[in-house]
Amino acid sequence: MEHIKNDILDYLKDNSFMDTNIGLNDNDSLTQNGIMDSIGLLELMDYICEKYDIEVPEDMLTPENFDSLQGITNLIVKLVK
C-alpha cells in the first residue's frame, strides 16, 4: 500500500499545484489545500485507471475516494484485488 501512496504523491508533485517541498498527510484534502482542482482530479483519475489497469465504477466517484492520499490509495487497493 505504501508504494501506491508514494506513486500518487510523486504524480501530484509532478502534475499539480503542489509545492514539492510541502508535507502532505494521508488525510489532507487535496482540493481544500489547493493541490488539485476539478480538471486535475479528472487527470488523476485517468492516470490511476491507466497505471493500475482498473476502471472506477460511477458509484465510487466520491470525494472520500479522491480527495486525499489515503482515500485514493484505499480505492486503488479495493479495485486491484
N, C-alpha and C. Protein backbone atom coordinates (compact mmCIF):
# COMPACT_ATOMS: atom_id res chain seq x y z
N MET A 1 0.81 -1.20 0.00
CA MET A 1 0.00 0.00 0.00
C MET A 1 0.86 1.27 0.00
N GLU A 2 1.98 1.19 0.67
CA GLU A 2 2.84 2.37 0.77
C GLU A 2 3.39 2.78 -0.60
N HIS A 3 3.68 1.79 -1.45
CA HIS A 3 4.21 2.13 -2.78
C HIS A 3 3.15 2.83 -3.64
N ILE A 4 1.89 2.47 -3.45
CA ILE A 4 0.80 3.14 -4.18
C ILE A 4 0.72 4.60 -3.72
N LYS A 5 0.75 4.80 -2.42
CA LYS A 5 0.67 6.15 -1.85
C LYS A 5 1.84 7.00 -2.36
N ASN A 6 3.03 6.43 -2.38
CA ASN A 6 4.20 7.17 -2.86
C ASN A 6 4.09 7.49 -4.35
N ASP A 7 3.54 6.57 -5.11
CA ASP A 7 3.35 6.79 -6.54
C ASP A 7 2.38 7.96 -6.78
N ILE A 8 1.29 7.99 -6.03
CA ILE A 8 0.31 9.07 -6.16
C ILE A 8 0.93 10.39 -5.72
N LEU A 9 1.69 10.38 -4.65
CA LEU A 9 2.36 11.59 -4.18
C LEU A 9 3.34 12.11 -5.24
N ASP A 10 4.09 11.22 -5.86
CA ASP A 10 5.01 11.63 -6.93
C ASP A 10 4.23 12.23 -8.10
N TYR A 11 3.10 11.60 -8.45
CA TYR A 11 2.26 12.14 -9.53
C TYR A 11 1.80 13.56 -9.17
N LEU A 12 1.34 13.74 -7.95
CA LEU A 12 0.84 15.05 -7.53
C LEU A 12 1.95 16.11 -7.57
N LYS A 13 3.13 15.74 -7.14
CA LYS A 13 4.24 16.69 -7.16
C LYS A 13 4.60 17.09 -8.59
N ASP A 14 4.48 16.15 -9.52
CA ASP A 14 4.84 16.41 -10.92
C ASP A 14 3.72 17.06 -11.73
N ASN A 15 2.46 16.88 -11.32
CA ASN A 15 1.34 17.27 -12.18
C ASN A 15 0.27 18.12 -11.51
N SER A 16 0.61 18.80 -10.45
CA SER A 16 -0.41 19.60 -9.77
C SER A 16 0.19 20.91 -9.29
N PHE A 17 -0.60 21.62 -8.53
CA PHE A 17 -0.17 22.89 -7.96
C PHE A 17 0.63 22.68 -6.68
N MET A 18 0.94 21.44 -6.37
CA MET A 18 1.58 21.12 -5.10
C MET A 18 3.04 21.58 -5.09
N ASP A 19 3.40 22.29 -4.03
CA ASP A 19 4.79 22.67 -3.80
C ASP A 19 5.54 21.39 -3.44
N THR A 20 6.62 21.11 -4.15
CA THR A 20 7.35 19.86 -3.92
C THR A 20 7.99 19.78 -2.55
N ASN A 21 8.09 20.91 -1.86
CA ASN A 21 8.69 20.90 -0.52
C ASN A 21 7.66 20.78 0.60
N ILE A 22 6.39 20.78 0.25
CA ILE A 22 5.33 20.74 1.26
C ILE A 22 5.13 19.30 1.76
N GLY A 23 4.83 19.19 3.03
CA GLY A 23 4.48 17.89 3.59
C GLY A 23 2.98 17.67 3.43
N LEU A 24 2.60 16.49 3.06
CA LEU A 24 1.19 16.18 2.87
C LEU A 24 0.85 14.96 3.70
N ASN A 25 -0.09 15.12 4.62
CA ASN A 25 -0.53 13.99 5.43
C ASN A 25 -1.52 13.15 4.64
N ASP A 26 -1.67 11.92 5.05
CA ASP A 26 -2.51 10.95 4.32
C ASP A 26 -3.95 11.42 4.16
N ASN A 27 -4.48 12.14 5.12
CA ASN A 27 -5.89 12.53 5.08
C ASN A 27 -6.11 14.01 4.77
N ASP A 28 -5.07 14.73 4.37
CA ASP A 28 -5.23 16.13 3.98
C ASP A 28 -6.05 16.22 2.70
N SER A 29 -6.95 17.19 2.66
CA SER A 29 -7.78 17.40 1.48
C SER A 29 -6.96 17.99 0.34
N LEU A 30 -6.98 17.32 -0.81
CA LEU A 30 -6.24 17.81 -1.97
C LEU A 30 -6.88 19.06 -2.55
N THR A 31 -8.21 19.14 -2.50
CA THR A 31 -8.89 20.30 -3.07
C THR A 31 -8.85 21.49 -2.11
N GLN A 32 -9.10 21.26 -0.84
CA GLN A 32 -9.10 22.37 0.12
C GLN A 32 -7.71 22.96 0.32
N ASN A 33 -6.68 22.18 0.08
CA ASN A 33 -5.32 22.68 0.21
C ASN A 33 -4.78 23.24 -1.10
N GLY A 34 -5.63 23.31 -2.12
CA GLY A 34 -5.25 23.91 -3.39
C GLY A 34 -4.28 23.09 -4.22
N ILE A 35 -4.20 21.82 -3.93
CA ILE A 35 -3.29 20.94 -4.66
C ILE A 35 -3.91 20.49 -5.98
N MET A 36 -5.21 20.23 -5.97
CA MET A 36 -5.91 19.77 -7.17
C MET A 36 -7.18 20.58 -7.37
N ASP A 37 -7.50 20.82 -8.64
CA ASP A 37 -8.79 21.40 -8.98
C ASP A 37 -9.59 20.32 -9.70
N SER A 38 -10.77 20.64 -10.20
CA SER A 38 -11.62 19.62 -10.80
C SER A 38 -10.98 18.99 -12.04
N ILE A 39 -10.30 19.78 -12.85
CA ILE A 39 -9.62 19.23 -14.03
C ILE A 39 -8.48 18.32 -13.60
N GLY A 40 -7.74 18.74 -12.60
CA GLY A 40 -6.65 17.92 -12.08
C GLY A 40 -7.14 16.60 -11.53
N LEU A 41 -8.30 16.61 -10.88
CA LEU A 41 -8.86 15.37 -10.37
C LEU A 41 -9.23 14.41 -11.50
N LEU A 42 -9.75 14.95 -12.59
CA LEU A 42 -10.07 14.11 -13.75
C LEU A 42 -8.80 13.52 -14.36
N GLU A 43 -7.76 14.33 -14.45
CA GLU A 43 -6.49 13.84 -14.98
C GLU A 43 -5.89 12.78 -14.06
N LEU A 44 -6.01 12.99 -12.76
CA LEU A 44 -5.53 12.00 -11.80
C LEU A 44 -6.29 10.69 -11.94
N MET A 45 -7.58 10.78 -12.11
CA MET A 45 -8.39 9.57 -12.29
C MET A 45 -7.95 8.81 -13.54
N ASP A 46 -7.72 9.52 -14.63
CA ASP A 46 -7.24 8.88 -15.86
C ASP A 46 -5.90 8.20 -15.63
N TYR A 47 -5.01 8.88 -14.93
CA TYR A 47 -3.70 8.32 -14.63
C TYR A 47 -3.83 7.03 -13.82
N ILE A 48 -4.66 7.06 -12.79
CA ILE A 48 -4.86 5.90 -11.92
C ILE A 48 -5.41 4.71 -12.73
N CYS A 49 -6.41 4.99 -13.55
CA CYS A 49 -7.03 3.91 -14.35
C CYS A 49 -6.01 3.29 -15.29
N GLU A 50 -5.19 4.12 -15.91
CA GLU A 50 -4.19 3.61 -16.85
C GLU A 50 -3.06 2.89 -16.12
N LYS A 51 -2.54 3.49 -15.08
CA LYS A 51 -1.39 2.93 -14.35
C LYS A 51 -1.72 1.58 -13.71
N TYR A 52 -2.90 1.47 -13.11
CA TYR A 52 -3.25 0.26 -12.38
C TYR A 52 -4.21 -0.64 -13.15
N ASP A 53 -4.50 -0.27 -14.40
CA ASP A 53 -5.36 -1.06 -15.28
C ASP A 53 -6.69 -1.40 -14.58
N ILE A 54 -7.34 -0.34 -14.10
CA ILE A 54 -8.63 -0.50 -13.41
C ILE A 54 -9.65 0.45 -14.01
N GLU A 55 -10.90 0.17 -13.76
CA GLU A 55 -12.00 1.08 -14.08
C GLU A 55 -12.66 1.45 -12.77
N VAL A 56 -12.93 2.72 -12.59
CA VAL A 56 -13.57 3.18 -11.37
C VAL A 56 -15.08 3.24 -11.61
N PRO A 57 -15.84 2.40 -10.90
CA PRO A 57 -17.30 2.45 -11.05
C PRO A 57 -17.85 3.81 -10.66
N GLU A 58 -18.91 4.19 -11.30
CA GLU A 58 -19.51 5.51 -11.07
C GLU A 58 -19.84 5.75 -9.60
N ASP A 59 -20.30 4.72 -8.90
CA ASP A 59 -20.68 4.90 -7.50
C ASP A 59 -19.47 5.11 -6.58
N MET A 60 -18.26 4.92 -7.12
CA MET A 60 -17.05 5.14 -6.33
C MET A 60 -16.40 6.49 -6.63
N LEU A 61 -17.02 7.28 -7.49
CA LEU A 61 -16.51 8.61 -7.81
C LEU A 61 -17.01 9.61 -6.76
N THR A 62 -16.45 9.50 -5.59
CA THR A 62 -16.88 10.33 -4.46
C THR A 62 -15.69 11.11 -3.91
N PRO A 63 -15.97 12.22 -3.22
CA PRO A 63 -14.87 12.97 -2.60
C PRO A 63 -14.05 12.11 -1.62
N GLU A 64 -14.70 11.21 -0.93
CA GLU A 64 -13.98 10.36 0.02
C GLU A 64 -12.91 9.53 -0.67
N ASN A 65 -13.14 9.17 -1.92
CA ASN A 65 -12.19 8.32 -2.65
C ASN A 65 -11.13 9.11 -3.40
N PHE A 66 -11.33 10.40 -3.63
CA PHE A 66 -10.41 11.15 -4.47
C PHE A 66 -9.85 12.42 -3.84
N ASP A 67 -10.16 12.72 -2.59
CA ASP A 67 -9.72 14.00 -2.03
C ASP A 67 -8.56 13.88 -1.05
N SER A 68 -7.99 12.70 -0.90
CA SER A 68 -6.83 12.54 -0.02
C SER A 68 -5.98 11.39 -0.50
N LEU A 69 -4.73 11.39 -0.09
CA LEU A 69 -3.85 10.27 -0.44
C LEU A 69 -4.42 8.95 0.07
N GLN A 70 -4.93 8.97 1.30
CA GLN A 70 -5.46 7.74 1.88
C GLN A 70 -6.69 7.25 1.11
N GLY A 71 -7.58 8.17 0.76
CA GLY A 71 -8.77 7.78 0.02
C GLY A 71 -8.43 7.19 -1.34
N ILE A 72 -7.50 7.82 -2.04
CA ILE A 72 -7.09 7.33 -3.36
C ILE A 72 -6.42 5.96 -3.23
N THR A 73 -5.54 5.83 -2.25
CA THR A 73 -4.84 4.55 -2.04
C THR A 73 -5.85 3.45 -1.72
N ASN A 74 -6.79 3.72 -0.82
CA ASN A 74 -7.80 2.72 -0.45
C ASN A 74 -8.62 2.31 -1.67
N LEU A 75 -8.98 3.26 -2.50
CA LEU A 75 -9.76 2.97 -3.71
C LEU A 75 -8.98 2.05 -4.63
N ILE A 76 -7.73 2.36 -4.88
CA ILE A 76 -6.90 1.53 -5.77
C ILE A 76 -6.77 0.12 -5.22
N VAL A 77 -6.50 0.00 -3.94
CA VAL A 77 -6.36 -1.32 -3.32
C VAL A 77 -7.64 -2.14 -3.49
N LYS A 78 -8.80 -1.52 -3.30
CA LYS A 78 -10.07 -2.22 -3.47
C LYS A 78 -10.27 -2.71 -4.89
N LEU A 79 -9.90 -1.86 -5.86
CA LEU A 79 -10.19 -2.19 -7.26
C LEU A 79 -9.15 -3.11 -7.90
N VAL A 80 -7.94 -3.16 -7.36
CA VAL A 80 -6.90 -4.01 -7.92
C VAL A 80 -7.08 -5.46 -7.49
N LYS A 81 -7.67 -5.69 -6.35
CA LYS A 81 -7.83 -7.06 -5.84
C LYS A 81 -8.71 -7.90 -6.71
